[in-house]
Protein backbone atom coordinates (compact mmCIF):
# COMPACT_ATOMS: atom_id res chain seq x y z
CA MET A 1 -16.22 51.31 -103.63
CA THR A 2 -15.82 47.56 -104.10
CA TYR A 3 -18.43 44.83 -104.08
CA LEU A 4 -17.31 43.97 -100.53
CA ASP A 5 -17.80 47.57 -99.44
CA ARG A 6 -21.30 47.58 -100.92
CA LEU A 7 -22.20 44.38 -99.08
CA ALA A 8 -20.62 45.68 -95.87
CA ARG A 9 -22.70 48.83 -96.13
CA LEU A 10 -25.84 46.75 -96.70
CA ILE A 11 -25.10 44.56 -93.67
CA ARG A 12 -24.40 47.60 -91.50
CA SER A 13 -27.69 49.16 -92.63
CA GLN A 14 -29.55 46.22 -91.08
CA LEU A 15 -28.42 47.08 -87.54
CA PRO A 16 -31.02 48.46 -85.14
CA ALA A 17 -31.08 52.26 -85.08
CA GLU A 18 -29.72 52.33 -81.51
CA ALA A 19 -26.70 50.12 -82.35
CA GLN A 20 -23.43 52.02 -82.44
CA PRO A 21 -20.53 50.07 -83.93
CA PRO A 22 -17.18 51.57 -82.97
CA ALA A 23 -15.35 53.96 -85.25
CA GLY A 24 -13.07 52.11 -87.62
CA SER A 25 -15.25 49.01 -87.81
CA GLY A 26 -15.50 49.10 -91.62
CA PRO A 27 -13.08 46.16 -91.98
CA LEU A 28 -15.24 44.12 -89.60
CA PHE A 29 -18.25 44.61 -91.84
CA ARG A 30 -16.12 43.59 -94.83
CA LEU A 31 -15.39 40.33 -92.99
CA TYR A 32 -19.13 39.91 -92.51
CA ALA A 33 -19.54 40.51 -96.26
CA VAL A 34 -17.07 37.70 -96.97
CA LEU A 35 -19.10 35.42 -94.70
CA LEU A 36 -22.23 36.36 -96.63
CA LEU A 37 -20.57 35.53 -99.94
CA ALA A 38 -19.06 32.28 -98.67
CA LYS A 39 -21.98 30.89 -96.67
CA GLY A 40 -25.06 32.89 -97.58
CA GLU A 41 -28.01 32.07 -95.37
CA HIS A 42 -25.95 29.37 -93.64
CA VAL A 43 -23.84 31.87 -91.67
CA THR A 44 -24.06 31.02 -87.96
CA ASP A 45 -23.71 33.12 -84.83
CA GLU A 46 -20.43 31.29 -84.27
CA ASP A 47 -19.16 32.39 -87.72
CA VAL A 48 -20.04 36.00 -86.96
CA HIS A 49 -18.43 35.82 -83.52
CA ASN A 50 -15.26 34.31 -85.01
CA ALA A 51 -15.05 37.16 -87.55
CA LEU A 52 -15.49 39.65 -84.69
CA ALA A 53 -12.78 37.89 -82.64
CA ALA A 54 -10.36 37.92 -85.59
CA TRP A 55 -11.02 41.62 -86.20
CA MET A 56 -10.52 42.44 -82.52
CA GLN A 57 -7.29 40.43 -82.38
CA THR A 58 -5.96 42.08 -85.52
CA THR A 59 -6.92 45.65 -84.71
CA GLY A 60 -7.22 45.67 -80.96
CA GLY A 61 -10.85 46.47 -81.82
CA ALA A 62 -13.14 48.20 -79.41
CA ARG A 63 -14.05 46.34 -76.28
CA THR A 64 -17.80 46.47 -76.18
CA ARG A 65 -20.09 45.96 -73.25
CA ARG A 66 -22.31 42.96 -73.94
CA THR A 67 -25.81 44.07 -73.31
CA GLY A 68 -27.80 41.83 -75.60
CA PRO A 69 -29.90 42.47 -78.69
CA ALA A 70 -32.72 44.18 -76.80
CA ALA A 71 -30.32 46.88 -75.68
CA GLY A 72 -28.93 47.45 -79.17
CA CYS A 73 -25.71 45.52 -78.80
CA TRP A 74 -24.22 45.22 -82.28
CA ALA A 75 -21.91 42.31 -81.46
CA THR A 76 -22.92 38.67 -81.44
CA PRO A 77 -22.97 36.36 -78.44
CA PRO A 78 -19.69 34.64 -77.61
CA HIS A 79 -18.90 31.20 -79.00
CA ARG A 80 -20.29 28.44 -76.79
């Protein structure tokens, strides 16, 4: 396990219990780990959305239904 994997696991552990990221989303959480290392507390919703968009474009990642944080949606709001 690499330092990125450890950070990715930590980030994933912060999701609400009802959140269910799709199978195979480990690389997405590694991208989030890179954001954490690069920007720390200055990561924005836009940064997270852009990482999600890049992962989805690269992998054909799961298409998730946007239901909002209250419903346990694990993805971020779209870029505005």
